[in-house]
């Protein structure tokens, strides 16, 4: 929920998740950055 892009990327790199669910006010710009 409205997490920094880098935080989300860290969780992916750690291998704990296979997909990202954005449940806050994230925008198209956030999606593009990810």
ModelCIF file with pLDDT and N, C-alpha, C, O atoms, coordinates in Angstrom:
data_MODEL
#
_entry.id   MODEL 
#
_entity.id                         1 
_entity.type                       polymer 
_entity.pdbx_number_of_molecules   1 
#
_entity_poly.entity_id                      1 
_entity_poly.type                           'polypeptide(L)' 
_entity_poly.nstd_linkage                   no 
_entity_poly.nstd_monomer                   no 
_entity_poly.pdbx_seq_one_letter_code       
;(UNK)(UNK)(UNK)(UNK)(UNK)(UNK)(UNK)(UNK)(UNK)(UNK)(UNK)(UNK)(UNK)(UNK)(UNK)(UNK)
(UNK)(UNK)(UNK)(UNK)(UNK)(UNK)(UNK)(UNK)(UNK)(UNK)(UNK)(UNK)(UNK)(UNK)(UNK)(UNK)
(UNK)(UNK)
;
_entity_poly.pdbx_seq_one_letter_code_can   XXXXXXXXXXXXXXXXXXXXXXXXXXXXXXXXXX 
_entity_poly.pdbx_strand_id                 A 
#
loop_
_entity_poly_seq.entity_id 
_entity_poly_seq.num 
_entity_poly_seq.mon_id 
_entity_poly_seq.hetero 
1 1  UNK n 
1 2  UNK n 
1 3  UNK n 
1 4  UNK n 
1 5  UNK n 
1 6  UNK n 
1 7  UNK n 
1 8  UNK n 
1 9  UNK n 
1 10 UNK n 
1 11 UNK n 
1 12 UNK n 
1 13 UNK n 
1 14 UNK n 
1 15 UNK n 
1 16 UNK n 
1 17 UNK n 
1 18 UNK n 
1 19 UNK n 
1 20 UNK n 
1 21 UNK n 
1 22 UNK n 
1 23 UNK n 
1 24 UNK n 
1 25 UNK n 
1 26 UNK n 
1 27 UNK n 
1 28 UNK n 
1 29 UNK n 
1 30 UNK n 
1 31 UNK n 
1 32 UNK n 
1 33 UNK n 
1 34 UNK n 
#
_struct_asym.id          A 
_struct_asym.entity_id   1 
#
loop_
_ma_qa_metric.id 
_ma_qa_metric.mode 
_ma_qa_metric.name 
_ma_qa_metric.software_group_id 
_ma_qa_metric.type 
1 global pLDDT . pLDDT 
2 local  pLDDT . pLDDT 
#
_ma_qa_metric_global.metric_id      1 
_ma_qa_metric_global.metric_value   96.85 
_ma_qa_metric_global.model_id       1 
_ma_qa_metric_global.ordinal_id     1 
#
loop_
_ma_qa_metric_local.label_asym_id 
_ma_qa_metric_local.label_comp_id 
_ma_qa_metric_local.label_seq_id 
_ma_qa_metric_local.metric_id 
_ma_qa_metric_local.metric_value 
_ma_qa_metric_local.model_id 
_ma_qa_metric_local.ordinal_id 
A UNK 1  2 97.00 1 1  
A UNK 2  2 97.00 1 2  
A UNK 3  2 97.00 1 3  
A UNK 4  2 97.00 1 4  
A UNK 5  2 97.00 1 5  
A UNK 6  2 97.00 1 6  
A UNK 7  2 97.00 1 7  
A UNK 8  2 98.00 1 8  
A UNK 9  2 97.00 1 9  
A UNK 10 2 97.00 1 10 
A UNK 11 2 97.00 1 11 
A UNK 12 2 97.00 1 12 
A UNK 13 2 96.00 1 13 
A UNK 14 2 96.00 1 14 
A UNK 15 2 95.00 1 15 
A UNK 16 2 96.00 1 16 
A UNK 17 2 98.00 1 17 
A UNK 18 2 97.00 1 18 
A UNK 19 2 98.00 1 19 
A UNK 20 2 98.00 1 20 
A UNK 21 2 98.00 1 21 
A UNK 22 2 98.00 1 22 
A UNK 23 2 95.00 1 23 
A UNK 24 2 95.00 1 24 
A UNK 25 2 94.00 1 25 
A UNK 26 2 97.00 1 26 
A UNK 27 2 96.00 1 27 
A UNK 28 2 97.00 1 28 
A UNK 29 2 97.00 1 29 
A UNK 30 2 97.00 1 30 
A UNK 31 2 98.00 1 31 
A UNK 32 2 97.00 1 32 
A UNK 33 2 97.00 1 33 
A UNK 34 2 98.00 1 34 
#
loop_
_atom_site.group_PDB 
_atom_site.id 
_atom_site.type_symbol 
_atom_site.label_atom_id 
_atom_site.label_alt_id 
_atom_site.label_comp_id 
_atom_site.label_asym_id 
_atom_site.label_entity_id 
_atom_site.label_seq_id 
_atom_site.pdbx_PDB_ins_code 
_atom_site.Cartn_x 
_atom_site.Cartn_y 
_atom_site.Cartn_z 
_atom_site.occupancy 
_atom_site.B_iso_or_equiv 
_atom_site.pdbx_formal_charge 
_atom_site.auth_seq_id 
_atom_site.auth_comp_id 
_atom_site.auth_asym_id 
_atom_site.auth_atom_id 
_atom_site.pdbx_PDB_model_num 
ATOM 1   N N  . UNK A 1 1  ? 0.852  -1.186  0.000   1.00 97.00 ? 1  UNK A N  1 
ATOM 2   C CA . UNK A 1 1  ? 0.000  0.000   0.000   1.00 97.00 ? 1  UNK A CA 1 
ATOM 3   C C  . UNK A 1 1  ? 0.889  1.237   0.000   1.00 97.00 ? 1  UNK A C  1 
ATOM 4   O O  . UNK A 1 1  ? 1.486  1.584   1.019   1.00 97.00 ? 1  UNK A O  1 
ATOM 5   N N  . UNK A 1 2  ? 0.971  1.899   -1.150  1.00 97.00 ? 2  UNK A N  1 
ATOM 6   C CA . UNK A 1 2  ? 1.745  3.144   -1.287  1.00 97.00 ? 2  UNK A CA 1 
ATOM 7   C C  . UNK A 1 2  ? 3.194  2.982   -0.821  1.00 97.00 ? 2  UNK A C  1 
ATOM 8   O O  . UNK A 1 2  ? 3.766  3.895   -0.226  1.00 97.00 ? 2  UNK A O  1 
ATOM 9   N N  . UNK A 1 3  ? 3.773  1.829   -1.091  1.00 97.00 ? 3  UNK A N  1 
ATOM 10  C CA . UNK A 1 3  ? 5.158  1.563   -0.697  1.00 97.00 ? 3  UNK A CA 1 
ATOM 11  C C  . UNK A 1 3  ? 6.120  2.155   -1.714  1.00 97.00 ? 3  UNK A C  1 
ATOM 12  O O  . UNK A 1 3  ? 5.784  2.239   -2.895  1.00 97.00 ? 3  UNK A O  1 
ATOM 13  N N  . UNK A 1 4  ? 7.315  2.570   -1.282  1.00 97.00 ? 4  UNK A N  1 
ATOM 14  C CA . UNK A 1 4  ? 8.321  3.032   -2.243  1.00 97.00 ? 4  UNK A CA 1 
ATOM 15  C C  . UNK A 1 4  ? 8.660  1.930   -3.248  1.00 97.00 ? 4  UNK A C  1 
ATOM 16  O O  . UNK A 1 4  ? 8.660  0.744   -2.917  1.00 97.00 ? 4  UNK A O  1 
ATOM 17  N N  . UNK A 1 5  ? 8.946  2.344   -4.467  1.00 97.00 ? 5  UNK A N  1 
ATOM 18  C CA . UNK A 1 5  ? 9.278  1.385   -5.515  1.00 97.00 ? 5  UNK A CA 1 
ATOM 19  C C  . UNK A 1 5  ? 10.455 0.511   -5.099  1.00 97.00 ? 5  UNK A C  1 
ATOM 20  O O  . UNK A 1 5  ? 10.441 -0.697  -5.334  1.00 97.00 ? 5  UNK A O  1 
ATOM 21  N N  . UNK A 1 6  ? 11.461 1.101   -4.492  1.00 97.00 ? 6  UNK A N  1 
ATOM 22  C CA . UNK A 1 6  ? 12.636 0.336   -4.093  1.00 97.00 ? 6  UNK A CA 1 
ATOM 23  C C  . UNK A 1 6  ? 12.285 -0.741  -3.076  1.00 97.00 ? 6  UNK A C  1 
ATOM 24  O O  . UNK A 1 6  ? 12.825 -1.846  -3.131  1.00 97.00 ? 6  UNK A O  1 
ATOM 25  N N  . UNK A 1 7  ? 11.379 -0.427  -2.143  1.00 97.00 ? 7  UNK A N  1 
ATOM 26  C CA . UNK A 1 7  ? 10.953 -1.422  -1.158  1.00 97.00 ? 7  UNK A CA 1 
ATOM 27  C C  . UNK A 1 7  ? 10.307 -2.612  -1.840  1.00 97.00 ? 7  UNK A C  1 
ATOM 28  O O  . UNK A 1 7  ? 10.583 -3.759  -1.489  1.00 97.00 ? 7  UNK A O  1 
ATOM 29  N N  . UNK A 1 8  ? 9.451  -2.347  -2.811  1.00 98.00 ? 8  UNK A N  1 
ATOM 30  C CA . UNK A 1 8  ? 8.792  -3.425  -3.541  1.00 98.00 ? 8  UNK A CA 1 
ATOM 31  C C  . UNK A 1 8  ? 9.822  -4.270  -4.290  1.00 98.00 ? 8  UNK A C  1 
ATOM 32  O O  . UNK A 1 8  ? 9.753  -5.499  -4.283  1.00 98.00 ? 8  UNK A O  1 
ATOM 33  N N  . UNK A 1 9  ? 10.766 -3.605  -4.927  1.00 97.00 ? 9  UNK A N  1 
ATOM 34  C CA . UNK A 1 9  ? 11.803 -4.327  -5.675  1.00 97.00 ? 9  UNK A CA 1 
ATOM 35  C C  . UNK A 1 9  ? 12.656 -5.199  -4.752  1.00 97.00 ? 9  UNK A C  1 
ATOM 36  O O  . UNK A 1 9  ? 13.076 -6.288  -5.141  1.00 97.00 ? 9  UNK A O  1 
ATOM 37  N N  . UNK A 1 10 ? 12.910 -4.725  -3.541  1.00 97.00 ? 10 UNK A N  1 
ATOM 38  C CA . UNK A 1 10 ? 13.683 -5.517  -2.581  1.00 97.00 ? 10 UNK A CA 1 
ATOM 39  C C  . UNK A 1 10 ? 12.973 -6.818  -2.249  1.00 97.00 ? 10 UNK A C  1 
ATOM 40  O O  . UNK A 1 10 ? 13.607 -7.869  -2.164  1.00 97.00 ? 10 UNK A O  1 
ATOM 41  N N  . UNK A 1 11 ? 11.645 -6.755  -2.057  1.00 97.00 ? 11 UNK A N  1 
ATOM 42  C CA . UNK A 1 11 ? 10.890 -7.975  -1.737  1.00 97.00 ? 11 UNK A CA 1 
ATOM 43  C C  . UNK A 1 11 ? 10.955 -8.965  -2.903  1.00 97.00 ? 11 UNK A C  1 
ATOM 44  O O  . UNK A 1 11 ? 11.051 -10.173 -2.690  1.00 97.00 ? 11 UNK A O  1 
ATOM 45  N N  . UNK A 1 12 ? 10.903 -8.454  -4.124  1.00 97.00 ? 12 UNK A N  1 
ATOM 46  C CA . UNK A 1 12 ? 10.999 -9.341  -5.289  1.00 97.00 ? 12 UNK A CA 1 
ATOM 47  C C  . UNK A 1 12 ? 12.378 -9.984  -5.348  1.00 97.00 ? 12 UNK A C  1 
ATOM 48  O O  . UNK A 1 12 ? 12.500 -11.188 -5.575  1.00 97.00 ? 12 UNK A O  1 
ATOM 49  N N  . UNK A 1 13 ? 13.428 -9.167  -5.139  1.00 96.00 ? 13 UNK A N  1 
ATOM 50  C CA . UNK A 1 13 ? 14.797 -9.693  -5.210  1.00 96.00 ? 13 UNK A CA 1 
ATOM 51  C C  . UNK A 1 13 ? 15.066 -10.726 -4.122  1.00 96.00 ? 13 UNK A C  1 
ATOM 52  O O  . UNK A 1 13 ? 15.863 -11.643 -4.322  1.00 96.00 ? 13 UNK A O  1 
ATOM 53  N N  . UNK A 1 14 ? 14.414 -10.589 -2.983  1.00 96.00 ? 14 UNK A N  1 
ATOM 54  C CA . UNK A 1 14 ? 14.608 -11.550 -1.894  1.00 96.00 ? 14 UNK A CA 1 
ATOM 55  C C  . UNK A 1 14 ? 14.008 -12.916 -2.210  1.00 96.00 ? 14 UNK A C  1 
ATOM 56  O O  . UNK A 1 14 ? 14.334 -13.909 -1.559  1.00 96.00 ? 14 UNK A O  1 
ATOM 57  N N  . UNK A 1 15 ? 13.139 -12.962 -3.200  1.00 95.00 ? 15 UNK A N  1 
ATOM 58  C CA . UNK A 1 15 ? 12.559 -14.234 -3.616  1.00 95.00 ? 15 UNK A CA 1 
ATOM 59  C C  . UNK A 1 15 ? 11.335 -14.669 -2.840  1.00 95.00 ? 15 UNK A C  1 
ATOM 60  O O  . UNK A 1 15 ? 10.898 -15.812 -2.969  1.00 95.00 ? 15 UNK A O  1 
ATOM 61  N N  . UNK A 1 16 ? 10.765 -13.766 -2.024  1.00 96.00 ? 16 UNK A N  1 
ATOM 62  C CA . UNK A 1 16 ? 9.601  -14.163 -1.227  1.00 96.00 ? 16 UNK A CA 1 
ATOM 63  C C  . UNK A 1 16 ? 8.299  -14.052 -2.006  1.00 96.00 ? 16 UNK A C  1 
ATOM 64  O O  . UNK A 1 16 ? 7.291  -14.635 -1.608  1.00 96.00 ? 16 UNK A O  1 
ATOM 65  N N  . UNK A 1 17 ? 8.306  -13.308 -3.115  1.00 98.00 ? 17 UNK A N  1 
ATOM 66  C CA . UNK A 1 17 ? 7.061  -13.136 -3.872  1.00 98.00 ? 17 UNK A CA 1 
ATOM 67  C C  . UNK A 1 17 ? 7.303  -13.316 -5.372  1.00 98.00 ? 17 UNK A C  1 
ATOM 68  O O  . UNK A 1 17 ? 8.387  -13.053 -5.893  1.00 98.00 ? 17 UNK A O  1 
ATOM 69  N N  . UNK A 1 18 ? 6.240  -13.778 -6.043  1.00 97.00 ? 18 UNK A N  1 
ATOM 70  C CA . UNK A 1 18 ? 6.278  -14.016 -7.480  1.00 97.00 ? 18 UNK A CA 1 
ATOM 71  C C  . UNK A 1 18 ? 5.485  -12.968 -8.255  1.00 97.00 ? 18 UNK A C  1 
ATOM 72  O O  . UNK A 1 18 ? 5.551  -12.929 -9.484  1.00 97.00 ? 18 UNK A O  1 
ATOM 73  N N  . UNK A 1 19 ? 4.740  -12.122 -7.552  1.00 98.00 ? 19 UNK A N  1 
ATOM 74  C CA . UNK A 1 19 ? 3.930  -11.087 -8.184  1.00 98.00 ? 19 UNK A CA 1 
ATOM 75  C C  . UNK A 1 19 ? 3.724  -9.955  -7.187  1.00 98.00 ? 19 UNK A C  1 
ATOM 76  O O  . UNK A 1 19 ? 3.812  -10.154 -5.976  1.00 98.00 ? 19 UNK A O  1 
ATOM 77  N N  . UNK A 1 20 ? 3.449  -8.764  -7.713  1.00 98.00 ? 20 UNK A N  1 
ATOM 78  C CA . UNK A 1 20 ? 3.271  -7.564  -6.898  1.00 98.00 ? 20 UNK A CA 1 
ATOM 79  C C  . UNK A 1 20 ? 1.818  -7.108  -6.997  1.00 98.00 ? 20 UNK A C  1 
ATOM 80  O O  . UNK A 1 20 ? 1.284  -6.938  -8.093  1.00 98.00 ? 20 UNK A O  1 
ATOM 81  N N  . UNK A 1 21 ? 1.190  -6.913  -5.849  1.00 98.00 ? 21 UNK A N  1 
ATOM 82  C CA . UNK A 1 21 ? -0.176 -6.388  -5.803  1.00 98.00 ? 21 UNK A CA 1 
ATOM 83  C C  . UNK A 1 21 ? -0.154 -5.006  -5.166  1.00 98.00 ? 21 UNK A C  1 
ATOM 84  O O  . UNK A 1 21 ? 0.210  -4.858  -3.999  1.00 98.00 ? 21 UNK A O  1 
ATOM 85  N N  . UNK A 1 22 ? -0.542 -4.004  -5.927  1.00 98.00 ? 22 UNK A N  1 
ATOM 86  C CA . UNK A 1 22 ? -0.558 -2.619  -5.464  1.00 98.00 ? 22 UNK A CA 1 
ATOM 87  C C  . UNK A 1 22 ? -1.956 -2.297  -4.967  1.00 98.00 ? 22 UNK A C  1 
ATOM 88  O O  . UNK A 1 22 ? -2.905 -2.263  -5.750  1.00 98.00 ? 22 UNK A O  1 
ATOM 89  N N  . UNK A 1 23 ? -2.087 -2.060  -3.673  1.00 95.00 ? 23 UNK A N  1 
ATOM 90  C CA . UNK A 1 23 ? -3.414 -1.930  -3.083  1.00 95.00 ? 23 UNK A CA 1 
ATOM 91  C C  . UNK A 1 23 ? -3.686 -0.526  -2.557  1.00 95.00 ? 23 UNK A C  1 
ATOM 92  O O  . UNK A 1 23 ? -4.629 -0.324  -1.793  1.00 95.00 ? 23 UNK A O  1 
ATOM 93  N N  . UNK A 1 24 ? -2.867 0.448   -2.959  1.00 95.00 ? 24 UNK A N  1 
ATOM 94  C CA . UNK A 1 24 ? -3.054 1.810   -2.476  1.00 95.00 ? 24 UNK A CA 1 
ATOM 95  C C  . UNK A 1 24 ? -3.473 2.755   -3.577  1.00 95.00 ? 24 UNK A C  1 
ATOM 96  O O  . UNK A 1 24 ? -4.339 2.440   -4.393  1.00 95.00 ? 24 UNK A O  1 
ATOM 97  N N  . UNK A 1 25 ? -2.839 3.933   -3.592  1.00 94.00 ? 25 UNK A N  1 
ATOM 98  C CA . UNK A 1 25 ? -3.173 4.981   -4.564  1.00 94.00 ? 25 UNK A CA 1 
ATOM 99  C C  . UNK A 1 25 ? -2.137 5.058   -5.677  1.00 94.00 ? 25 UNK A C  1 
ATOM 100 O O  . UNK A 1 25 ? -1.922 6.122   -6.258  1.00 94.00 ? 25 UNK A O  1 
ATOM 101 N N  . UNK A 1 26 ? -1.510 3.956   -5.968  1.00 97.00 ? 26 UNK A N  1 
ATOM 102 C CA . UNK A 1 26 ? -0.452 3.933   -6.984  1.00 97.00 ? 26 UNK A CA 1 
ATOM 103 C C  . UNK A 1 26 ? -0.995 4.338   -8.358  1.00 97.00 ? 26 UNK A C  1 
ATOM 104 O O  . UNK A 1 26 ? -2.153 4.079   -8.685  1.00 97.00 ? 26 UNK A O  1 
ATOM 105 N N  . UNK A 1 27 ? -0.141 4.970   -9.143  1.00 96.00 ? 27 UNK A N  1 
ATOM 106 C CA . UNK A 1 27 ? -0.541 5.508   -10.438 1.00 96.00 ? 27 UNK A CA 1 
ATOM 107 C C  . UNK A 1 27 ? 0.132  4.746   -11.581 1.00 96.00 ? 27 UNK A C  1 
ATOM 108 O O  . UNK A 1 27 ? 0.936  3.840   -11.362 1.00 96.00 ? 27 UNK A O  1 
ATOM 109 N N  . UNK A 1 28 ? -0.220 5.141   -12.803 1.00 97.00 ? 28 UNK A N  1 
ATOM 110 C CA . UNK A 1 28 ? 0.425  4.578   -13.982 1.00 97.00 ? 28 UNK A CA 1 
ATOM 111 C C  . UNK A 1 28 ? 1.929  4.823   -13.943 1.00 97.00 ? 28 UNK A C  1 
ATOM 112 O O  . UNK A 1 28 ? 2.713  3.973   -14.363 1.00 97.00 ? 28 UNK A O  1 
ATOM 113 N N  . UNK A 1 29 ? 2.320  5.966   -13.447 1.00 97.00 ? 29 UNK A N  1 
ATOM 114 C CA . UNK A 1 29 ? 3.753  6.264   -13.353 1.00 97.00 ? 29 UNK A CA 1 
ATOM 115 C C  . UNK A 1 29 ? 4.461  5.269   -12.434 1.00 97.00 ? 29 UNK A C  1 
ATOM 116 O O  . UNK A 1 29 ? 5.568  4.826   -12.742 1.00 97.00 ? 29 UNK A O  1 
ATOM 117 N N  . UNK A 1 30 ? 3.843  4.917   -11.326 1.00 97.00 ? 30 UNK A N  1 
ATOM 118 C CA . UNK A 1 30 ? 4.432  3.922   -10.414 1.00 97.00 ? 30 UNK A CA 1 
ATOM 119 C C  . UNK A 1 30 ? 4.555  2.568   -11.102 1.00 97.00 ? 30 UNK A C  1 
ATOM 120 O O  . UNK A 1 30 ? 5.573  1.887   -10.973 1.00 97.00 ? 30 UNK A O  1 
ATOM 121 N N  . UNK A 1 31 ? 3.525  2.188   -11.825 1.00 98.00 ? 31 UNK A N  1 
ATOM 122 C CA . UNK A 1 31 ? 3.556  0.910   -12.532 1.00 98.00 ? 31 UNK A CA 1 
ATOM 123 C C  . UNK A 1 31 ? 4.668  0.889   -13.566 1.00 98.00 ? 31 UNK A C  1 
ATOM 124 O O  . UNK A 1 31 ? 5.389  -0.101  -13.692 1.00 98.00 ? 31 UNK A O  1 
ATOM 125 N N  . UNK A 1 32 ? 4.807  1.976   -14.301 1.00 97.00 ? 32 UNK A N  1 
ATOM 126 C CA . UNK A 1 32 ? 5.864  2.062   -15.305 1.00 97.00 ? 32 UNK A CA 1 
ATOM 127 C C  . UNK A 1 32 ? 7.251  1.984   -14.672 1.00 97.00 ? 32 UNK A C  1 
ATOM 128 O O  . UNK A 1 32 ? 8.153  1.351   -15.221 1.00 97.00 ? 32 UNK A O  1 
ATOM 129 N N  . UNK A 1 33 ? 7.420  2.620   -13.527 1.00 97.00 ? 33 UNK A N  1 
ATOM 130 C CA . UNK A 1 33 ? 8.721  2.570   -12.837 1.00 97.00 ? 33 UNK A CA 1 
ATOM 131 C C  . UNK A 1 33 ? 9.030  1.153   -12.384 1.00 97.00 ? 33 UNK A C  1 
ATOM 132 O O  . UNK A 1 33 ? 10.171 0.701   -12.488 1.00 97.00 ? 33 UNK A O  1 
ATOM 133 N N  . UNK A 1 34 ? 8.033  0.455   -11.887 1.00 98.00 ? 34 UNK A N  1 
ATOM 134 C CA . UNK A 1 34 ? 8.240  -0.936  -11.497 1.00 98.00 ? 34 UNK A CA 1 
ATOM 135 C C  . UNK A 1 34 ? 8.585  -1.794  -12.715 1.00 98.00 ? 34 UNK A C  1 
ATOM 136 O O  . UNK A 1 34 ? 8.795  -3.000  -12.581 1.00 98.00 ? 34 UNK A O  1 
#
